[in-house]
PDB file of all heavy atoms in Angstrom:
ATOM      1  N   PRO A   1      -9.967  35.197 -11.300  1.00  0.00           N
ATOM      2  CA  PRO A   1     -10.173  35.883 -12.578  1.00  0.00           C
ATOM      3  C   PRO A   1     -10.963  35.012 -13.503  1.00  0.00           C
ATOM      4  O   PRO A   1     -10.731  33.840 -13.556  1.00  0.00           O
ATOM      5  CB  PRO A   1      -8.773  36.191 -13.136  1.00  0.00           C
ATOM      6  CG  PRO A   1      -7.894  35.165 -12.492  1.00  0.00           C
ATOM      7  CD  PRO A   1      -8.505  34.902 -11.168  1.00  0.00           C
ATOM      8  N   SER A   2     -11.890  35.603 -14.238  1.00  0.00           N
ATOM      9  CA  SER A   2     -12.685  34.865 -15.195  1.00  0.00           C
ATOM     10  C   SER A   2     -11.862  34.407 -16.371  1.00  0.00           C
ATOM     11  O   SER A   2     -10.953  35.139 -16.844  1.00  0.00           O
ATOM     12  CB  SER A   2     -13.901  35.662 -15.672  1.00  0.00           C
ATOM     13  OG  SER A   2     -13.421  36.843 -16.318  1.00  0.00           O
ATOM     14  N   ARG A   3     -12.061  33.199 -16.808  1.00  0.00           N
ATOM     15  CA  ARG A   3     -11.341  32.681 -17.930  1.00  0.00           C
ATOM     16  C   ARG A   3     -12.056  32.918 -19.207  1.00  0.00           C
ATOM     17  O   ARG A   3     -13.303  32.881 -19.258  1.00  0.00           O
ATOM     18  CB  ARG A   3     -11.189  31.172 -17.765  1.00  0.00           C
ATOM     19  CG  ARG A   3     -10.301  30.761 -16.569  1.00  0.00           C
ATOM     20  CD  ARG A   3     -10.004  29.284 -16.582  1.00  0.00           C
ATOM     21  NE  ARG A   3     -11.249  28.506 -16.472  1.00  0.00           N
ATOM     22  CZ  ARG A   3     -11.321  27.188 -16.895  1.00  0.00           C
ATOM     23  NH1 ARG A   3     -10.283  26.607 -17.441  1.00  0.00           N
ATOM     24  NH2 ARG A   3     -12.424  26.558 -16.757  1.00  0.00           N
ATOM     25  N   PRO A   4     -11.328  33.200 -20.283  1.00  0.00           N
ATOM     26  CA  PRO A   4     -11.895  33.471 -21.565  1.00  0.00           C
ATOM     27  C   PRO A   4     -12.726  32.195 -22.019  1.00  0.00           C
ATOM     28  O   PRO A   4     -12.304  31.057 -21.727  1.00  0.00           O
ATOM     29  CB  PRO A   4     -10.781  33.776 -22.523  1.00  0.00           C
ATOM     30  CG  PRO A   4      -9.613  33.233 -21.874  1.00  0.00           C
ATOM     31  CD  PRO A   4      -9.853  33.310 -20.419  1.00  0.00           C
ATOM     32  N   SER A   5     -13.821  32.456 -22.678  1.00  0.00           N
ATOM     33  CA  SER A   5     -14.612  31.346 -23.171  1.00  0.00           C
ATOM     34  C   SER A   5     -15.011  31.543 -24.642  1.00  0.00           C
ATOM     35  O   SER A   5     -14.904  32.714 -25.129  1.00  0.00           O
ATOM     36  CB  SER A   5     -15.913  31.125 -22.402  1.00  0.00           C
ATOM     37  OG  SER A   5     -16.748  32.253 -22.495  1.00  0.00           O
ATOM     38  N   HIS A   6     -15.305  30.486 -25.311  1.00  0.00           N
ATOM     39  CA  HIS A   6     -15.746  30.568 -26.745  1.00  0.00           C
ATOM     40  C   HIS A   6     -16.973  29.742 -26.956  1.00  0.00           C
ATOM     41  O   HIS A   6     -17.044  28.625 -26.414  1.00  0.00           O
ATOM     42  CB  HIS A   6     -14.591  30.024 -27.603  1.00  0.00           C
ATOM     43  CG  HIS A   6     -14.876  29.919 -29.055  1.00  0.00           C
ATOM     44  ND1 HIS A   6     -14.818  31.020 -29.852  1.00  0.00           N
ATOM     45  CD2 HIS A   6     -15.308  28.887 -29.818  1.00  0.00           C
ATOM     46  CE1 HIS A   6     -15.158  30.669 -31.109  1.00  0.00           C
ATOM     47  NE2 HIS A   6     -15.453  29.359 -31.046  1.00  0.00           N
ATOM     48  N   HIS A   7     -17.910  30.283 -27.633  1.00  0.00           N
ATOM     49  CA  HIS A   7     -19.170  29.546 -27.962  1.00  0.00           C
ATOM     50  C   HIS A   7     -19.131  29.040 -29.380  1.00  0.00           C
ATOM     51  O   HIS A   7     -18.858  29.815 -30.268  1.00  0.00           O
ATOM     52  CB  HIS A   7     -20.372  30.426 -27.716  1.00  0.00           C
ATOM     53  CG  HIS A   7     -20.646  30.702 -26.261  1.00  0.00           C
ATOM     54  ND1 HIS A   7     -21.430  29.870 -25.480  1.00  0.00           N
ATOM     55  CD2 HIS A   7     -20.151  31.691 -25.409  1.00  0.00           C
ATOM     56  CE1 HIS A   7     -21.502  30.359 -24.260  1.00  0.00           C
ATOM     57  NE2 HIS A   7     -20.737  31.418 -24.171  1.00  0.00           N
ATOM     58  N   LYS A   8     -19.392  27.772 -29.474  1.00  0.00           N
ATOM     59  CA  LYS A   8     -19.409  27.097 -30.765  1.00  0.00           C
ATOM     60  C   LYS A   8     -20.835  26.512 -30.964  1.00  0.00           C
ATOM     61  O   LYS A   8     -21.039  25.342 -30.526  1.00  0.00           O
ATOM     62  CB  LYS A   8     -18.323  25.993 -30.801  1.00  0.00           C
ATOM     63  CG  LYS A   8     -18.139  25.317 -32.118  1.00  0.00           C
ATOM     64  CD  LYS A   8     -17.005  24.344 -32.016  1.00  0.00           C
ATOM     65  CE  LYS A   8     -16.724  23.545 -33.316  1.00  0.00           C
ATOM     66  NZ  LYS A   8     -15.635  22.612 -33.113  1.00  0.00           N
ATOM     67  N   GLY A   9     -21.746  27.331 -31.408  1.00  0.00           N
ATOM     68  CA  GLY A   9     -23.142  26.919 -31.397  1.00  0.00           C
ATOM     69  C   GLY A   9     -23.576  26.755 -30.004  1.00  0.00           C
ATOM     70  O   GLY A   9     -23.368  27.575 -29.147  1.00  0.00           O
ATOM     71  N   PRO A  10     -24.183  25.636 -29.623  1.00  0.00           N
ATOM     72  CA  PRO A  10     -24.608  25.409 -28.236  1.00  0.00           C
ATOM     73  C   PRO A  10     -23.520  24.916 -27.293  1.00  0.00           C
ATOM     74  O   PRO A  10     -23.719  24.734 -26.107  1.00  0.00           O
ATOM     75  CB  PRO A  10     -25.663  24.265 -28.382  1.00  0.00           C
ATOM     76  CG  PRO A  10     -25.178  23.499 -29.485  1.00  0.00           C
ATOM     77  CD  PRO A  10     -24.591  24.470 -30.484  1.00  0.00           C
ATOM     78  N   VAL A  11     -22.268  24.775 -27.786  1.00  0.00           N
ATOM     79  CA  VAL A  11     -21.174  24.251 -27.056  1.00  0.00           C
ATOM     80  C   VAL A  11     -20.342  25.432 -26.457  1.00  0.00           C
ATOM     81  O   VAL A  11     -19.935  26.280 -27.252  1.00  0.00           O
ATOM     82  CB  VAL A  11     -20.259  23.283 -27.907  1.00  0.00           C
ATOM     83  CG1 VAL A  11     -19.110  22.767 -27.062  1.00  0.00           C
ATOM     84  CG2 VAL A  11     -21.111  22.114 -28.424  1.00  0.00           C
ATOM     85  N   ARG A  12     -20.008  25.376 -25.221  1.00  0.00           N
ATOM     86  CA  ARG A  12     -19.120  26.400 -24.581  1.00  0.00           C
ATOM     87  C   ARG A  12     -17.777  25.788 -24.357  1.00  0.00           C
ATOM     88  O   ARG A  12     -17.671  24.728 -23.710  1.00  0.00           O
ATOM     89  CB  ARG A  12     -19.728  26.979 -23.310  1.00  0.00           C
ATOM     90  CG  ARG A  12     -18.906  28.226 -22.772  1.00  0.00           C
ATOM     91  CD  ARG A  12     -19.447  28.608 -21.433  1.00  0.00           C
ATOM     92  NE  ARG A  12     -19.129  27.632 -20.356  1.00  0.00           N
ATOM     93  CZ  ARG A  12     -19.377  27.895 -19.070  1.00  0.00           C
ATOM     94  NH1 ARG A  12     -19.957  29.019 -18.750  1.00  0.00           N
ATOM     95  NH2 ARG A  12     -19.135  26.991 -18.214  1.00  0.00           N
ATOM     96  N   LEU A  13     -16.715  26.454 -24.799  1.00  0.00           N
ATOM     97  CA  LEU A  13     -15.351  26.001 -24.600  1.00  0.00           C
ATOM     98  C   LEU A  13     -14.488  26.925 -23.738  1.00  0.00           C
ATOM     99  O   LEU A  13     -14.608  28.137 -23.885  1.00  0.00           O
ATOM    100  CB  LEU A  13     -14.675  25.848 -26.005  1.00  0.00           C
ATOM    101  CG  LEU A  13     -15.414  24.956 -27.018  1.00  0.00           C
ATOM    102  CD1 LEU A  13     -14.772  25.059 -28.376  1.00  0.00           C
ATOM    103  CD2 LEU A  13     -15.441  23.438 -26.558  1.00  0.00           C
ATOM    104  N   LYS A  14     -13.667  26.316 -22.905  1.00  0.00           N
ATOM    105  CA  LYS A  14     -12.728  27.154 -22.053  1.00  0.00           C
ATOM    106  C   LYS A  14     -11.374  26.498 -22.024  1.00  0.00           C
ATOM    107  O   LYS A  14     -11.271  25.266 -22.341  1.00  0.00           O
ATOM    108  CB  LYS A  14     -13.313  27.361 -20.651  1.00  0.00           C
ATOM    109  CG  LYS A  14     -14.419  28.378 -20.553  1.00  0.00           C
ATOM    110  CD  LYS A  14     -14.756  28.613 -19.091  1.00  0.00           C
ATOM    111  CE  LYS A  14     -15.681  29.756 -18.887  1.00  0.00           C
ATOM    112  NZ  LYS A  14     -15.960  30.053 -17.448  1.00  0.00           N
ATOM    113  N   GLY A  15     -10.405  27.167 -21.528  1.00  0.00           N
ATOM    114  CA  GLY A  15      -9.155  26.676 -21.277  1.00  0.00           C
ATOM    115  C   GLY A  15      -8.457  26.023 -22.464  1.00  0.00           C
ATOM    116  O   GLY A  15      -8.448  26.637 -23.524  1.00  0.00           O
ATOM    117  N   ARG A  16      -8.041  24.813 -22.330  1.00  0.00           N
ATOM    118  CA  ARG A  16      -7.332  24.124 -23.421  1.00  0.00           C
ATOM    119  C   ARG A  16      -8.281  23.733 -24.569  1.00  0.00           C
ATOM    120  O   ARG A  16      -7.821  23.352 -25.663  1.00  0.00           O
ATOM    121  CB  ARG A  16      -6.601  22.889 -22.895  1.00  0.00           C
ATOM    122  CG  ARG A  16      -5.454  23.196 -21.984  1.00  0.00           C
ATOM    123  CD  ARG A  16      -4.805  21.899 -21.460  1.00  0.00           C
ATOM    124  NE  ARG A  16      -3.690  22.150 -20.562  1.00  0.00           N
ATOM    125  CZ  ARG A  16      -2.975  21.173 -20.005  1.00  0.00           C
ATOM    126  NH1 ARG A  16      -3.246  19.896 -20.230  1.00  0.00           N
ATOM    127  NH2 ARG A  16      -2.024  21.518 -19.171  1.00  0.00           N
ATOM    128  N   GLN A  17      -9.522  23.848 -24.310  1.00  0.00           N
ATOM    129  CA  GLN A  17     -10.511  23.541 -25.387  1.00  0.00           C
ATOM    130  C   GLN A  17     -10.759  24.699 -26.321  1.00  0.00           C
ATOM    131  O   GLN A  17     -11.450  24.522 -27.342  1.00  0.00           O
ATOM    132  CB  GLN A  17     -11.847  23.146 -24.748  1.00  0.00           C
ATOM    133  CG  GLN A  17     -11.766  21.920 -23.856  1.00  0.00           C
ATOM    134  CD  GLN A  17     -11.353  20.661 -24.565  1.00  0.00           C
ATOM    135  OE1 GLN A  17     -11.735  20.426 -25.656  1.00  0.00           O
ATOM    136  NE2 GLN A  17     -10.406  19.892 -23.989  1.00  0.00           N
ATOM    137  N   LEU A  18     -10.195  25.897 -26.019  1.00  0.00           N
ATOM    138  CA  LEU A  18     -10.383  27.016 -26.915  1.00  0.00           C
ATOM    139  C   LEU A  18      -9.793  26.701 -28.263  1.00  0.00           C
ATOM    140  O   LEU A  18      -8.619  26.271 -28.315  1.00  0.00           O
ATOM    141  CB  LEU A  18      -9.741  28.291 -26.294  1.00  0.00           C
ATOM    142  CG  LEU A  18     -10.486  28.899 -25.085  1.00  0.00           C
ATOM    143  CD1 LEU A  18      -9.594  29.977 -24.508  1.00  0.00           C
ATOM    144  CD2 LEU A  18     -11.840  29.446 -25.544  1.00  0.00           C
ATOM    145  N   PRO A  19     -10.475  27.041 -29.392  1.00  0.00           N
ATOM    146  CA  PRO A  19      -9.906  26.750 -30.697  1.00  0.00           C
ATOM    147  C   PRO A  19      -8.872  27.830 -31.080  1.00  0.00           C
ATOM    148  O   PRO A  19      -8.894  28.968 -30.634  1.00  0.00           O
ATOM    149  CB  PRO A  19     -11.137  26.855 -31.603  1.00  0.00           C
ATOM    150  CG  PRO A  19     -12.067  27.780 -30.855  1.00  0.00           C
ATOM    151  CD  PRO A  19     -11.828  27.547 -29.396  1.00  0.00           C
ATOM    152  N   ASP A  20      -8.025  27.428 -31.963  1.00  0.00           N
ATOM    153  CA  ASP A  20      -6.992  28.310 -32.516  1.00  0.00           C
ATOM    154  C   ASP A  20      -7.503  29.104 -33.710  1.00  0.00           C
ATOM    155  O   ASP A  20      -6.862  30.177 -34.070  1.00  0.00           O
ATOM    156  CB  ASP A  20      -5.728  27.578 -32.912  1.00  0.00           C
ATOM    157  CG  ASP A  20      -5.082  26.898 -31.779  1.00  0.00           C
ATOM    158  OD1 ASP A  20      -5.061  27.444 -30.607  1.00  0.00           O
ATOM    159  OD2 ASP A  20      -4.571  25.722 -31.874  1.00  0.00           O
ATOM    160  N   THR A  21      -8.530  28.607 -34.338  1.00  0.00           N
ATOM    161  CA  THR A  21      -9.074  29.259 -35.528  1.00  0.00           C
ATOM    162  C   THR A  21     -10.553  29.451 -35.429  1.00  0.00           C
ATOM    163  O   THR A  21     -11.172  28.832 -34.608  1.00  0.00           O
ATOM    164  CB  THR A  21      -8.700  28.473 -36.835  1.00  0.00           C
ATOM    165  OG1 THR A  21      -9.342  27.175 -36.690  1.00  0.00           O
ATOM    166  CG2 THR A  21      -7.249  28.293 -36.979  1.00  0.00           C
ATOM    167  N   THR A  22     -11.105  30.249 -36.321  1.00  0.00           N
ATOM    168  CA  THR A  22     -12.530  30.413 -36.300  1.00  0.00           C
ATOM    169  C   THR A  22     -13.174  29.500 -37.332  1.00  0.00           C
ATOM    170  O   THR A  22     -12.492  28.968 -38.232  1.00  0.00           O
ATOM    171  CB  THR A  22     -12.947  31.893 -36.614  1.00  0.00           C
ATOM    172  OG1 THR A  22     -12.555  32.171 -37.932  1.00  0.00           O
ATOM    173  CG2 THR A  22     -12.231  32.855 -35.681  1.00  0.00           C
ATOM    174  N   THR A  23     -14.514  29.373 -37.222  1.00  0.00           N
ATOM    175  CA  THR A  23     -15.218  28.576 -38.234  1.00  0.00           C
ATOM    176  C   THR A  23     -15.094  29.143 -39.646  1.00  0.00           C
ATOM    177  O   THR A  23     -14.866  28.373 -40.605  1.00  0.00           O
ATOM    178  CB  THR A  23     -16.721  28.472 -37.894  1.00  0.00           C
ATOM    179  OG1 THR A  23     -16.861  27.970 -36.535  1.00  0.00           O
ATOM    180  CG2 THR A  23     -17.490  27.603 -38.824  1.00  0.00           C
ATOM    181  N   ASP A  24     -15.132  30.448 -39.820  1.00  0.00           N
ATOM    182  CA  ASP A  24     -14.918  31.030 -41.119  1.00  0.00           C
ATOM    183  C   ASP A  24     -13.548  30.696 -41.634  1.00  0.00           C
ATOM    184  O   ASP A  24     -13.434  30.505 -42.856  1.00  0.00           O
ATOM    185  CB  ASP A  24     -15.163  32.561 -41.075  1.00  0.00           C
ATOM    186  CG  ASP A  24     -16.688  32.871 -41.037  1.00  0.00           C
ATOM    187  OD1 ASP A  24     -17.472  32.010 -41.388  1.00  0.00           O
ATOM    188  OD2 ASP A  24     -17.006  34.030 -40.647  1.00  0.00           O
ATOM    189  N   GLN A  25     -12.509  30.822 -40.796  1.00  0.00           N
ATOM    190  CA  GLN A  25     -11.172  30.540 -41.262  1.00  0.00           C
ATOM    191  C   GLN A  25     -11.080  29.141 -41.844  1.00  0.00           C
ATOM    192  O   GLN A  25     -10.533  28.935 -42.853  1.00  0.00           O
ATOM    193  CB  GLN A  25     -10.181  30.731 -40.086  1.00  0.00           C
ATOM    194  CG  GLN A  25      -9.678  32.058 -39.874  1.00  0.00           C
ATOM    195  CD  GLN A  25      -8.658  32.139 -38.734  1.00  0.00           C
ATOM    196  OE1 GLN A  25      -9.036  31.916 -37.567  1.00  0.00           O
ATOM    197  NE2 GLN A  25      -7.415  32.299 -39.018  1.00  0.00           N
ATOM    198  N   ARG A  26     -11.626  28.225 -41.080  1.00  0.00           N
ATOM    199  CA  ARG A  26     -11.589  26.786 -41.572  1.00  0.00           C
ATOM    200  C   ARG A  26     -12.356  26.573 -42.807  1.00  0.00           C
ATOM    201  O   ARG A  26     -11.965  25.785 -43.660  1.00  0.00           O
ATOM    202  CB  ARG A  26     -11.999  25.831 -40.400  1.00  0.00           C
ATOM    203  CG  ARG A  26     -11.082  25.823 -39.219  1.00  0.00           C
ATOM    204  CD  ARG A  26     -11.487  24.776 -38.158  1.00  0.00           C
ATOM    205  NE  ARG A  26     -12.742  24.996 -37.542  1.00  0.00           N
ATOM    206  CZ  ARG A  26     -12.991  25.716 -36.476  1.00  0.00           C
ATOM    207  NH1 ARG A  26     -11.992  26.346 -35.980  1.00  0.00           N
ATOM    208  NH2 ARG A  26     -14.187  25.860 -35.945  1.00  0.00           N
ATOM    209  N   LEU A  27     -13.457  27.327 -42.983  1.00  0.00           N
ATOM    210  CA  LEU A  27     -14.223  27.127 -44.190  1.00  0.00           C
ATOM    211  C   LEU A  27     -13.515  27.686 -45.375  1.00  0.00           C
ATOM    212  O   LEU A  27     -13.500  27.069 -46.442  1.00  0.00           O
ATOM    213  CB  LEU A  27     -15.556  27.882 -43.980  1.00  0.00           C
ATOM    214  CG  LEU A  27     -16.412  28.015 -45.275  1.00  0.00           C
ATOM    215  CD1 LEU A  27     -16.901  26.643 -45.659  1.00  0.00           C
ATOM    216  CD2 LEU A  27     -17.659  28.921 -45.036  1.00  0.00           C
TER     217      LEU A  27
END
C-alpha cells in the first residue's frame, strides 16, 4: 500500500518524517 507523503517546498516527507502541524499553524 502507498504510504502518505507530505511536500514541504522541494522536500518530500514520509513515514516518521511527516509533520504534526502545517506551516500556517506554526506561523
